[in-house]
N, C-alpha and C. Protein backbone atom coordinates (compact mmCIF):
# COMPACT_ATOMS: atom_id res chain seq x y z
N MET A 1 14.24 8.21 16.39
CA MET A 1 15.09 8.74 15.36
C MET A 1 14.37 9.13 14.15
N PRO A 2 14.57 10.36 13.73
CA PRO A 2 13.82 10.82 12.52
C PRO A 2 14.22 10.04 11.34
N CYS A 3 13.34 10.19 10.25
CA CYS A 3 13.47 9.40 9.06
C CYS A 3 15.01 9.40 8.54
N ALA A 4 15.51 8.25 8.20
CA ALA A 4 16.91 8.11 7.81
C ALA A 4 17.17 8.29 6.35
N PHE A 5 16.11 8.32 5.57
CA PHE A 5 16.25 8.64 4.06
C PHE A 5 16.72 10.12 3.88
N SER A 6 17.49 10.15 2.82
CA SER A 6 17.96 11.59 2.44
C SER A 6 16.85 12.42 1.84
N LEU A 7 16.99 13.78 1.85
CA LEU A 7 16.04 14.56 1.27
C LEU A 7 15.86 14.43 -0.18
N GLU A 8 16.98 14.06 -0.89
CA GLU A 8 16.95 13.83 -2.24
C GLU A 8 16.15 12.47 -2.54
N LEU A 9 16.23 11.52 -1.72
CA LEU A 9 15.45 10.31 -1.98
C LEU A 9 13.91 10.51 -1.65
N LEU A 10 13.59 11.28 -0.65
CA LEU A 10 12.32 11.75 -0.27
C LEU A 10 11.57 12.46 -1.36
N ARG A 11 12.47 13.37 -2.10
CA ARG A 11 11.97 14.05 -3.13
C ARG A 11 11.62 13.25 -4.39
N LYS A 12 12.45 12.13 -4.54
CA LYS A 12 12.19 11.20 -5.59
C LYS A 12 10.82 10.48 -5.44
N VAL A 13 10.64 10.12 -4.18
CA VAL A 13 9.38 9.46 -3.78
C VAL A 13 8.24 10.44 -4.16
N ALA A 14 8.29 11.63 -3.66
CA ALA A 14 7.25 12.64 -3.93
C ALA A 14 6.90 12.84 -5.48
N VAL A 15 7.98 12.86 -6.16
CA VAL A 15 7.87 13.08 -7.61
C VAL A 15 7.15 11.93 -8.21
N PHE A 16 7.52 10.70 -7.80
CA PHE A 16 6.88 9.51 -8.29
C PHE A 16 5.47 9.52 -7.98
N HIS A 17 5.02 9.85 -6.72
CA HIS A 17 3.63 9.83 -6.30
C HIS A 17 2.89 11.14 -6.85
N GLY A 18 3.54 12.24 -7.00
CA GLY A 18 2.92 13.45 -7.48
C GLY A 18 2.85 14.57 -6.41
N HIS A 19 2.98 14.21 -5.19
CA HIS A 19 2.85 15.28 -4.11
C HIS A 19 3.40 14.65 -2.79
N GLU A 20 3.62 15.49 -1.83
CA GLU A 20 3.83 15.05 -0.54
C GLU A 20 2.64 15.04 0.34
N CYS A 21 2.40 14.05 1.20
CA CYS A 21 1.25 13.93 2.00
C CYS A 21 1.45 12.91 3.19
N PRO A 22 0.64 13.01 4.21
CA PRO A 22 0.85 12.14 5.33
C PRO A 22 0.84 10.70 4.88
N GLY A 23 -0.04 10.28 4.05
CA GLY A 23 -0.20 8.87 3.66
C GLY A 23 0.97 8.41 2.92
N LEU A 24 1.67 9.23 2.09
CA LEU A 24 2.97 8.78 1.45
C LEU A 24 3.97 8.58 2.51
N THR A 25 3.98 9.49 3.51
CA THR A 25 5.00 9.41 4.62
C THR A 25 4.82 8.17 5.42
N ILE A 26 3.65 7.69 5.58
CA ILE A 26 3.44 6.33 6.26
C ILE A 26 4.18 5.34 5.45
N GLY A 27 4.07 5.20 4.15
CA GLY A 27 4.74 4.31 3.33
C GLY A 27 6.21 4.41 3.37
N ILE A 28 6.68 5.68 3.37
CA ILE A 28 8.17 5.89 3.54
C ILE A 28 8.62 5.24 4.85
N ARG A 29 7.91 5.53 5.98
CA ARG A 29 8.46 4.99 7.19
C ARG A 29 8.31 3.42 7.23
N ALA A 30 7.25 2.91 6.62
CA ALA A 30 7.12 1.45 6.60
C ALA A 30 8.28 0.84 5.77
N ALA A 31 8.69 1.53 4.62
CA ALA A 31 9.73 0.99 3.81
C ALA A 31 11.11 1.10 4.66
N GLU A 32 11.29 2.22 5.40
CA GLU A 32 12.48 2.39 6.17
C GLU A 32 12.60 1.21 7.16
N LEU A 33 11.47 0.89 7.79
CA LEU A 33 11.47 -0.23 8.82
C LEU A 33 11.84 -1.52 8.04
N ALA A 34 11.24 -1.71 6.92
CA ALA A 34 11.55 -3.01 6.18
C ALA A 34 13.01 -3.13 5.91
N LEU A 35 13.67 -2.08 5.31
CA LEU A 35 14.94 -2.05 5.01
C LEU A 35 15.91 -2.11 6.28
N ARG A 36 15.53 -1.50 7.36
CA ARG A 36 16.25 -1.65 8.54
C ARG A 36 16.33 -3.08 9.15
N GLU A 37 15.11 -3.72 9.12
CA GLU A 37 14.98 -5.00 9.69
C GLU A 37 15.44 -6.27 8.74
N LEU A 38 15.31 -5.98 7.47
CA LEU A 38 15.41 -7.10 6.51
C LEU A 38 16.62 -6.93 5.46
N GLY A 39 17.28 -5.76 5.61
CA GLY A 39 18.34 -5.44 4.52
C GLY A 39 17.79 -4.79 3.31
N GLY A 40 18.73 -4.56 2.46
CA GLY A 40 18.42 -3.76 1.31
C GLY A 40 17.42 -4.43 0.26
N PRO A 41 17.08 -3.58 -0.71
CA PRO A 41 16.16 -4.04 -1.76
C PRO A 41 16.78 -5.33 -2.40
N GLY A 42 15.89 -6.16 -2.99
CA GLY A 42 16.40 -7.31 -3.74
C GLY A 42 15.10 -8.09 -4.11
N PRO A 43 15.33 -9.23 -5.13
CA PRO A 43 14.26 -9.87 -5.53
C PRO A 43 13.60 -10.84 -4.58
N ASP A 44 14.29 -11.05 -3.41
CA ASP A 44 13.73 -11.88 -2.42
C ASP A 44 12.98 -11.18 -1.31
N LEU A 45 12.89 -9.88 -1.45
CA LEU A 45 12.14 -8.95 -0.54
C LEU A 45 10.71 -8.89 -1.02
N VAL A 46 9.75 -9.03 -0.21
CA VAL A 46 8.36 -9.14 -0.63
C VAL A 46 7.63 -8.23 0.31
N ALA A 47 6.68 -7.34 -0.26
CA ALA A 47 5.83 -6.48 0.47
C ALA A 47 4.35 -6.88 0.27
N VAL A 48 3.57 -6.90 1.38
CA VAL A 48 2.20 -7.08 1.28
C VAL A 48 1.49 -5.89 1.92
N SER A 49 0.72 -5.11 1.11
CA SER A 49 0.01 -4.06 1.62
C SER A 49 -1.43 -4.32 1.88
N GLU A 50 -2.01 -3.89 3.05
CA GLU A 50 -3.42 -4.16 3.24
C GLU A 50 -4.28 -2.90 2.89
N THR A 51 -3.67 -2.02 2.16
CA THR A 51 -4.35 -0.79 1.75
C THR A 51 -3.85 -0.46 0.39
N ASP A 52 -4.60 0.43 -0.34
CA ASP A 52 -4.15 0.89 -1.74
C ASP A 52 -3.92 2.34 -1.70
N MET A 53 -3.66 2.88 -0.45
CA MET A 53 -3.39 4.37 -0.35
C MET A 53 -2.02 4.76 -0.76
N CYS A 54 -1.79 6.10 -0.61
CA CYS A 54 -0.60 6.75 -1.14
C CYS A 54 0.77 6.05 -0.80
N GLY A 55 0.83 5.38 0.40
CA GLY A 55 2.10 4.83 0.89
C GLY A 55 2.62 3.73 0.06
N VAL A 56 1.74 3.10 -0.64
CA VAL A 56 2.22 2.03 -1.46
C VAL A 56 3.26 2.51 -2.56
N ASP A 57 3.03 3.72 -3.03
CA ASP A 57 3.99 4.23 -3.99
C ASP A 57 5.35 4.39 -3.36
N ALA A 58 5.44 4.80 -2.17
CA ALA A 58 6.77 4.96 -1.47
C ALA A 58 7.36 3.66 -1.32
N ILE A 59 6.60 2.64 -0.98
CA ILE A 59 7.11 1.17 -0.74
C ILE A 59 7.79 0.76 -2.09
N GLN A 60 7.06 1.04 -3.25
CA GLN A 60 7.70 0.64 -4.49
C GLN A 60 8.97 1.24 -4.77
N VAL A 61 9.06 2.62 -4.57
CA VAL A 61 10.26 3.36 -4.88
C VAL A 61 11.41 2.89 -3.99
N LEU A 62 11.12 2.76 -2.65
CA LEU A 62 12.25 2.55 -1.64
C LEU A 62 12.67 1.19 -1.49
N THR A 63 11.79 0.20 -1.72
CA THR A 63 12.13 -1.17 -1.43
C THR A 63 12.32 -1.99 -2.79
N GLY A 64 11.91 -1.34 -3.95
CA GLY A 64 12.05 -2.06 -5.20
C GLY A 64 10.93 -3.11 -5.33
N CYS A 65 10.02 -3.30 -4.40
CA CYS A 65 9.01 -4.29 -4.54
C CYS A 65 7.87 -3.61 -5.45
N THR A 66 7.43 -4.38 -6.54
CA THR A 66 6.44 -3.80 -7.49
C THR A 66 5.51 -4.84 -7.84
N TYR A 67 4.39 -4.46 -8.35
CA TYR A 67 3.32 -5.33 -8.79
C TYR A 67 3.82 -6.23 -9.99
N GLY A 68 4.50 -5.51 -10.97
CA GLY A 68 5.01 -6.22 -11.99
C GLY A 68 6.02 -7.40 -11.70
N LYS A 69 6.81 -7.25 -10.72
CA LYS A 69 7.78 -8.35 -10.32
C LYS A 69 7.10 -9.27 -9.56
N GLY A 70 5.87 -9.10 -9.08
CA GLY A 70 5.15 -10.04 -8.20
C GLY A 70 5.57 -10.03 -6.79
N ASN A 71 6.45 -9.09 -6.34
CA ASN A 71 6.91 -8.99 -4.99
C ASN A 71 6.28 -7.91 -4.26
N LEU A 72 5.18 -7.36 -4.80
CA LEU A 72 4.22 -6.35 -4.01
C LEU A 72 2.92 -6.93 -4.22
N ILE A 73 2.30 -7.21 -3.19
CA ILE A 73 0.93 -7.84 -3.19
C ILE A 73 -0.07 -6.89 -2.46
N HIS A 74 -1.30 -6.73 -3.02
CA HIS A 74 -2.27 -5.88 -2.33
C HIS A 74 -3.33 -6.82 -1.79
N ARG A 75 -3.59 -6.76 -0.63
CA ARG A 75 -4.68 -7.39 0.10
C ARG A 75 -5.72 -6.30 0.49
N ASP A 76 -6.95 -6.27 -0.08
CA ASP A 76 -7.81 -5.24 0.06
C ASP A 76 -8.51 -5.31 1.34
N LEU A 77 -7.83 -4.99 2.42
CA LEU A 77 -8.40 -5.16 3.91
C LEU A 77 -8.67 -3.81 4.44
N GLY A 78 -8.25 -2.73 3.79
CA GLY A 78 -8.62 -1.41 4.38
C GLY A 78 -7.94 -1.03 5.64
N LYS A 79 -6.72 -1.74 5.82
CA LYS A 79 -5.98 -1.45 7.07
C LYS A 79 -4.71 -0.75 6.77
N MET A 80 -4.23 0.17 7.70
CA MET A 80 -2.97 0.79 7.41
C MET A 80 -1.81 -0.13 7.90
N ALA A 81 -1.69 -1.29 7.25
CA ALA A 81 -0.84 -2.29 7.72
C ALA A 81 0.07 -2.94 6.52
N PHE A 82 1.22 -3.21 6.85
CA PHE A 82 2.18 -3.70 5.82
C PHE A 82 2.96 -4.90 6.33
N SER A 83 2.99 -5.92 5.56
CA SER A 83 3.91 -7.02 5.87
C SER A 83 5.18 -7.06 4.96
N PHE A 84 6.25 -7.37 5.56
CA PHE A 84 7.49 -7.54 4.67
C PHE A 84 8.19 -8.78 5.04
N TYR A 85 8.62 -9.45 4.00
CA TYR A 85 9.32 -10.86 4.13
C TYR A 85 10.65 -10.81 3.39
N ARG A 86 11.53 -11.48 3.85
CA ARG A 86 12.81 -11.83 3.08
C ARG A 86 12.64 -13.26 2.93
N ARG A 87 12.49 -13.72 1.65
CA ARG A 87 12.31 -15.13 1.33
C ARG A 87 13.45 -15.93 2.08
N GLY A 88 13.01 -16.90 2.88
CA GLY A 88 14.00 -17.77 3.60
C GLY A 88 14.52 -17.22 4.81
N ALA A 89 14.08 -16.00 5.15
CA ALA A 89 14.65 -15.32 6.42
C ALA A 89 13.56 -14.74 7.33
N GLY A 90 12.28 -14.95 6.99
CA GLY A 90 11.12 -14.42 7.89
C GLY A 90 10.90 -12.99 7.59
N GLY A 91 10.03 -12.53 8.44
CA GLY A 91 9.62 -11.05 8.27
C GLY A 91 8.79 -10.67 9.39
N PHE A 92 7.96 -9.51 9.15
CA PHE A 92 7.20 -8.96 10.21
C PHE A 92 5.93 -8.11 9.65
N ARG A 93 5.05 -7.84 10.40
CA ARG A 93 3.84 -6.94 10.00
C ARG A 93 3.77 -5.72 10.87
N ALA A 94 3.61 -4.61 10.14
CA ALA A 94 3.79 -3.30 10.87
C ALA A 94 2.27 -2.68 10.58
N VAL A 95 1.64 -2.23 11.72
CA VAL A 95 0.39 -1.56 11.66
C VAL A 95 0.55 -0.19 12.24
N LEU A 96 0.05 0.78 11.56
CA LEU A 96 0.07 2.17 11.98
C LEU A 96 -0.58 2.26 13.38
N ARG A 97 0.07 2.80 14.43
CA ARG A 97 -0.59 3.06 15.71
C ARG A 97 -1.56 4.22 15.65
N PRO A 98 -2.75 4.03 16.14
CA PRO A 98 -3.69 5.32 16.13
C PRO A 98 -3.04 6.44 16.81
N GLU A 99 -2.29 6.35 17.80
CA GLU A 99 -1.69 7.48 18.59
C GLU A 99 -0.57 8.15 17.77
N ALA A 100 -0.12 7.49 16.72
CA ALA A 100 0.89 8.05 15.88
C ALA A 100 0.32 9.33 15.16
N ARG A 101 -0.94 9.53 14.99
CA ARG A 101 -1.58 10.64 14.36
C ARG A 101 -1.71 11.78 15.25
N GLY A 102 -1.30 11.71 16.51
CA GLY A 102 -1.21 12.84 17.36
C GLY A 102 -2.53 13.51 17.68
N GLY A 103 -3.70 12.75 17.63
CA GLY A 103 -4.92 13.36 17.92
C GLY A 103 -5.48 14.26 16.90
N MET A 104 -4.93 14.20 15.69
CA MET A 104 -5.51 15.18 14.68
C MET A 104 -6.63 14.60 13.87
N ASP A 105 -6.98 13.41 14.05
CA ASP A 105 -7.98 12.73 13.12
C ASP A 105 -9.31 13.40 13.03
N GLU A 106 -9.78 13.85 14.27
CA GLU A 106 -11.08 14.26 14.38
C GLU A 106 -11.35 15.67 13.48
N GLU A 107 -10.43 16.52 13.84
CA GLU A 107 -10.44 17.82 13.14
C GLU A 107 -10.12 17.68 11.61
N MET A 108 -9.12 16.73 11.31
CA MET A 108 -8.79 16.64 9.91
C MET A 108 -9.99 15.97 9.23
N GLY A 109 -10.56 15.00 9.74
CA GLY A 109 -11.65 14.26 9.16
C GLY A 109 -12.79 15.25 8.79
N ALA A 110 -13.20 16.08 9.86
CA ALA A 110 -14.25 17.08 9.59
C ALA A 110 -13.82 18.03 8.42
N LEU A 111 -12.54 18.49 8.40
CA LEU A 111 -12.16 19.46 7.28
C LEU A 111 -12.22 18.77 6.02
N PHE A 112 -11.71 17.48 5.96
CA PHE A 112 -11.62 16.75 4.56
C PHE A 112 -13.04 16.54 4.10
N ARG A 113 -14.01 16.20 4.99
CA ARG A 113 -15.37 16.02 4.44
C ARG A 113 -15.89 17.33 3.91
N LYS A 114 -15.63 18.45 4.54
CA LYS A 114 -16.02 19.68 4.02
C LYS A 114 -15.49 19.94 2.62
N GLN A 115 -14.16 19.67 2.44
CA GLN A 115 -13.46 19.89 1.30
C GLN A 115 -14.14 18.94 0.19
N SER A 116 -14.34 17.71 0.58
CA SER A 116 -15.04 16.78 -0.41
C SER A 116 -16.36 17.28 -0.87
N ASP A 117 -17.06 17.90 0.00
CA ASP A 117 -18.48 18.40 -0.34
C ASP A 117 -18.38 19.76 -0.98
N GLY A 118 -17.28 20.41 -1.05
CA GLY A 118 -17.01 21.66 -1.63
C GLY A 118 -17.57 22.79 -0.69
N ALA A 119 -17.69 22.48 0.62
CA ALA A 119 -18.26 23.45 1.62
C ALA A 119 -17.31 24.05 2.45
N ALA A 120 -15.88 23.77 2.29
CA ALA A 120 -14.89 24.41 3.10
C ALA A 120 -14.70 25.83 2.79
N THR A 121 -14.52 26.61 3.83
CA THR A 121 -14.32 28.06 3.62
C THR A 121 -12.82 28.23 3.40
N PRO A 122 -12.45 29.41 2.87
CA PRO A 122 -11.05 29.58 2.60
C PRO A 122 -10.08 29.36 3.80
N GLU A 123 -10.56 29.75 4.96
CA GLU A 123 -9.92 29.61 6.28
C GLU A 123 -9.71 28.04 6.58
N GLU A 124 -10.77 27.25 6.33
CA GLU A 124 -10.83 25.87 6.60
C GLU A 124 -9.88 25.17 5.62
N GLU A 125 -9.81 25.63 4.33
CA GLU A 125 -8.84 25.07 3.40
C GLU A 125 -7.47 25.29 3.84
N VAL A 126 -7.12 26.45 4.35
CA VAL A 126 -5.79 26.72 4.88
C VAL A 126 -5.42 25.90 6.17
N ARG A 127 -6.43 25.73 6.97
CA ARG A 127 -6.23 24.92 8.26
C ARG A 127 -6.03 23.34 7.75
N ALA A 128 -6.73 22.92 6.86
CA ALA A 128 -6.54 21.57 6.35
C ALA A 128 -5.15 21.37 5.86
N ARG A 129 -4.62 22.23 5.02
CA ARG A 129 -3.23 22.18 4.53
C ARG A 129 -2.21 22.28 5.70
N VAL A 130 -2.48 23.15 6.65
CA VAL A 130 -1.53 23.18 7.86
C VAL A 130 -1.52 21.88 8.59
N LEU A 131 -2.72 21.28 8.82
CA LEU A 131 -2.77 20.00 9.65
C LEU A 131 -2.09 18.91 8.85
N ARG A 132 -2.30 18.82 7.54
CA ARG A 132 -1.69 17.81 6.71
C ARG A 132 -0.16 17.89 6.81
N GLU A 133 0.33 19.08 6.66
CA GLU A 133 1.83 19.25 6.77
C GLU A 133 2.31 18.99 8.19
N GLU A 134 1.54 19.31 9.25
CA GLU A 134 2.00 18.99 10.56
C GLU A 134 2.01 17.50 10.81
N LEU A 135 1.05 16.79 10.24
CA LEU A 135 0.98 15.29 10.30
C LEU A 135 2.09 14.75 9.62
N ARG A 136 2.37 15.19 8.38
CA ARG A 136 3.43 14.59 7.59
C ARG A 136 4.75 14.77 8.25
N ARG A 137 5.02 15.88 8.80
CA ARG A 137 6.27 16.15 9.52
C ARG A 137 6.37 15.30 10.86
N ARG A 138 5.17 15.14 11.48
CA ARG A 138 5.15 14.31 12.72
C ARG A 138 5.63 12.86 12.33
N PHE A 139 4.96 12.39 11.24
CA PHE A 139 5.41 10.99 10.80
C PHE A 139 6.84 10.89 10.44
N LEU A 140 7.51 11.96 9.90
CA LEU A 140 8.92 11.87 9.59
C LEU A 140 9.68 11.92 10.86
N ASP A 141 9.21 12.48 11.91
CA ASP A 141 10.05 12.63 13.14
C ASP A 141 9.88 11.50 14.22
N LEU A 142 8.80 10.73 14.01
CA LEU A 142 8.50 9.72 15.10
C LEU A 142 9.51 8.66 14.97
N GLU A 143 9.85 7.95 16.15
CA GLU A 143 10.57 6.67 16.19
C GLU A 143 9.73 5.63 15.53
N LEU A 144 10.26 4.73 14.70
CA LEU A 144 9.62 3.75 14.06
C LEU A 144 8.69 2.89 14.97
N GLU A 145 9.18 2.62 16.17
CA GLU A 145 8.51 1.78 17.14
C GLU A 145 7.22 2.60 17.73
N GLU A 146 7.43 4.00 17.69
CA GLU A 146 6.18 4.80 18.12
C GLU A 146 5.12 4.89 16.92
N MET A 147 5.62 4.68 15.82
CA MET A 147 4.68 4.79 14.67
C MET A 147 3.93 3.52 14.34
N PHE A 148 4.65 2.38 14.51
CA PHE A 148 3.96 1.13 14.21
C PHE A 148 3.94 0.07 15.30
N THR A 149 2.96 -0.60 15.33
CA THR A 149 2.89 -1.86 16.17
C THR A 149 3.61 -2.91 15.30
N ILE A 150 4.61 -3.54 15.67
CA ILE A 150 5.37 -4.44 14.87
C ILE A 150 5.25 -5.89 15.44
N THR A 151 4.77 -6.92 14.75
CA THR A 151 4.55 -8.28 15.12
C THR A 151 5.21 -9.19 14.16
N PRO A 152 5.65 -10.40 14.75
CA PRO A 152 6.24 -11.29 13.78
C PRO A 152 5.04 -11.93 12.89
N LEU A 153 5.52 -12.46 11.68
CA LEU A 153 4.52 -12.82 10.73
C LEU A 153 3.90 -14.25 11.12
N PRO A 154 2.57 -14.35 11.15
CA PRO A 154 2.04 -15.63 11.47
C PRO A 154 2.03 -16.57 10.39
N GLU A 155 2.47 -16.18 9.19
CA GLU A 155 2.35 -17.09 7.90
C GLU A 155 3.47 -17.06 7.24
N ARG A 156 3.68 -18.06 6.28
CA ARG A 156 4.75 -18.07 5.34
C ARG A 156 4.61 -17.02 4.29
N PRO A 157 5.81 -16.55 3.73
CA PRO A 157 5.67 -15.52 2.73
C PRO A 157 4.93 -16.11 1.49
N PRO A 158 4.28 -15.11 0.60
CA PRO A 158 3.66 -15.63 -0.53
C PRO A 158 4.53 -16.27 -1.50
N ARG A 159 4.10 -17.28 -2.24
CA ARG A 159 4.92 -17.92 -3.34
C ARG A 159 5.42 -16.91 -4.24
N PRO A 160 6.60 -17.13 -4.84
CA PRO A 160 7.11 -16.27 -5.95
C PRO A 160 6.17 -16.29 -7.13
N ALA A 161 6.26 -15.09 -7.89
CA ALA A 161 5.32 -15.03 -9.05
C ALA A 161 5.73 -16.17 -10.11
N ARG A 162 4.72 -16.67 -10.71
CA ARG A 162 4.87 -17.64 -11.83
C ARG A 162 4.26 -17.20 -13.03
N VAL A 163 4.94 -17.58 -14.07
CA VAL A 163 4.31 -17.22 -15.48
C VAL A 163 3.35 -18.43 -15.83
N LEU A 164 2.16 -18.14 -15.99
CA LEU A 164 1.11 -19.06 -16.36
C LEU A 164 0.63 -18.89 -17.72
N ARG A 165 0.15 -20.00 -18.42
CA ARG A 165 -0.32 -19.77 -19.73
C ARG A 165 -1.70 -19.08 -19.75
N SER A 166 -1.99 -18.45 -20.86
CA SER A 166 -3.25 -17.70 -21.00
C SER A 166 -4.21 -18.61 -21.94
N LEU A 167 -5.50 -18.45 -21.45
CA LEU A 167 -6.65 -19.15 -22.36
C LEU A 167 -7.42 -18.03 -22.91
N ALA A 168 -8.08 -18.36 -24.06
CA ALA A 168 -9.08 -17.42 -24.62
C ALA A 168 -10.41 -17.69 -24.01
N CYS A 169 -11.03 -16.67 -23.54
CA CYS A 169 -12.31 -16.66 -22.94
C CYS A 169 -13.31 -17.07 -24.07
N ASP A 170 -14.16 -18.04 -23.83
CA ASP A 170 -15.14 -18.60 -24.72
C ASP A 170 -16.25 -17.53 -25.05
N SER A 171 -16.30 -16.48 -24.21
CA SER A 171 -17.37 -15.50 -24.55
C SER A 171 -16.81 -14.29 -25.27
N CYS A 172 -15.83 -13.64 -24.81
CA CYS A 172 -15.28 -12.42 -25.35
C CYS A 172 -14.05 -12.58 -26.31
N GLY A 173 -13.41 -13.68 -26.08
CA GLY A 173 -12.26 -14.03 -26.83
C GLY A 173 -10.91 -13.47 -26.35
N GLU A 174 -10.98 -12.82 -25.32
CA GLU A 174 -9.82 -12.09 -24.75
C GLU A 174 -8.96 -13.17 -24.02
N MET A 175 -7.64 -13.08 -24.26
CA MET A 175 -6.69 -13.92 -23.55
C MET A 175 -6.65 -13.53 -22.09
N THR A 176 -6.79 -14.60 -21.20
CA THR A 176 -6.74 -14.44 -19.74
C THR A 176 -5.87 -15.39 -19.09
N MET A 177 -5.13 -14.97 -18.07
CA MET A 177 -4.27 -15.88 -17.29
C MET A 177 -5.12 -17.06 -16.83
N GLU A 178 -4.56 -18.23 -16.98
CA GLU A 178 -5.37 -19.42 -16.60
C GLU A 178 -5.88 -19.40 -15.14
N SER A 179 -5.14 -18.88 -14.24
CA SER A 179 -5.53 -18.90 -12.83
C SER A 179 -6.70 -17.98 -12.55
N ARG A 180 -6.98 -17.03 -13.54
CA ARG A 180 -8.11 -16.12 -13.35
C ARG A 180 -9.34 -16.46 -14.17
N THR A 181 -9.37 -17.68 -14.86
CA THR A 181 -10.51 -18.08 -15.51
C THR A 181 -11.42 -18.83 -14.60
N ARG A 182 -12.64 -18.93 -15.08
CA ARG A 182 -13.72 -19.69 -14.43
C ARG A 182 -14.45 -20.62 -15.38
N ARG A 183 -14.85 -21.76 -14.92
CA ARG A 183 -15.56 -22.67 -15.69
C ARG A 183 -17.02 -22.56 -15.43
N PHE A 184 -17.86 -22.44 -16.52
CA PHE A 184 -19.40 -22.23 -16.32
C PHE A 184 -20.05 -22.85 -17.48
N ASP A 185 -20.93 -23.81 -17.25
CA ASP A 185 -21.75 -24.44 -18.29
C ASP A 185 -20.87 -24.87 -19.39
N GLY A 186 -19.72 -25.58 -19.07
CA GLY A 186 -18.85 -26.17 -20.02
C GLY A 186 -17.83 -25.21 -20.83
N GLN A 187 -17.88 -23.84 -20.42
CA GLN A 187 -17.09 -22.92 -21.04
C GLN A 187 -15.96 -22.36 -20.15
N THR A 188 -14.90 -21.93 -20.72
CA THR A 188 -13.84 -21.23 -19.97
C THR A 188 -14.11 -19.69 -20.13
N LEU A 189 -14.39 -19.09 -19.08
CA LEU A 189 -14.70 -17.70 -19.06
C LEU A 189 -13.72 -16.79 -18.27
N CYS A 190 -13.46 -15.55 -18.69
CA CYS A 190 -12.81 -14.60 -17.90
C CYS A 190 -13.63 -14.12 -16.78
N ILE A 191 -13.12 -13.53 -15.73
CA ILE A 191 -13.92 -13.17 -14.58
C ILE A 191 -15.11 -12.17 -15.01
N SER A 192 -14.88 -11.30 -15.88
CA SER A 192 -15.86 -10.35 -16.28
C SER A 192 -17.08 -11.10 -16.95
N CYS A 193 -16.80 -12.01 -17.83
CA CYS A 193 -17.83 -12.71 -18.53
C CYS A 193 -18.49 -13.71 -17.62
N PHE A 194 -17.75 -14.26 -16.63
CA PHE A 194 -18.35 -15.22 -15.76
C PHE A 194 -19.32 -14.40 -14.83
N GLU A 195 -18.95 -13.21 -14.40
CA GLU A 195 -19.82 -12.43 -13.49
C GLU A 195 -21.06 -11.98 -14.22
N ALA A 196 -20.98 -11.83 -15.57
CA ALA A 196 -22.22 -11.43 -16.26
C ALA A 196 -23.18 -12.46 -16.39
N VAL A 197 -22.85 -13.85 -16.33
CA VAL A 197 -23.73 -14.93 -16.51
C VAL A 197 -24.01 -15.66 -15.18
N GLU A 198 -23.18 -15.55 -14.18
CA GLU A 198 -23.39 -16.26 -12.92
C GLU A 198 -24.33 -15.45 -12.04
N GLN A 199 -25.50 -15.97 -11.72
CA GLN A 199 -26.62 -15.11 -11.15
C GLN A 199 -26.32 -14.90 -9.58
N LYS A 200 -25.46 -15.73 -9.01
CA LYS A 200 -25.20 -15.60 -7.52
C LYS A 200 -24.41 -14.49 -7.13
N ILE A 201 -23.73 -13.79 -8.13
CA ILE A 201 -22.86 -12.67 -7.78
C ILE A 201 -23.42 -11.38 -7.96
């Protein structure tokens, strides 16, 4: 079944992100899957993204999960994978299937490398735009089960966000959340100051 979100809502996502693209559409469909499986947005819905790509913006807009509320967590694993939990009710992990890309990766990759290097011809620029739009539309039209490998979560959901006290870094003096400080040579340091003096990093 094609994407269930209205065109108006998809436009809202694109405005928030700044443009339409295949990456944003991956997040749109991941959010659609989360809401289909776990119900509507709410404070007990948690999203964990294993990438920092465009799709995370769609997840914020459509699910209401945000960094500021502590129910959007980024794990920098470089995978097109998203986990969604409903606290007290379980959840799932969704990983983009390679075949969902419709075999476009090789040509698109070559064109994007040329664009990055400033070496793409005008014809190649047009072709890259055409492929991006084809892939975006493909993602909108795929069945969710064709797009993602969906597995039960092997772990419990992350703990709810807590408000922790802040400590002054003994080196720079800036207030730092207690859980992000380090002890070194009898001092309490923020991560930046700790990294400046710890020789093993």
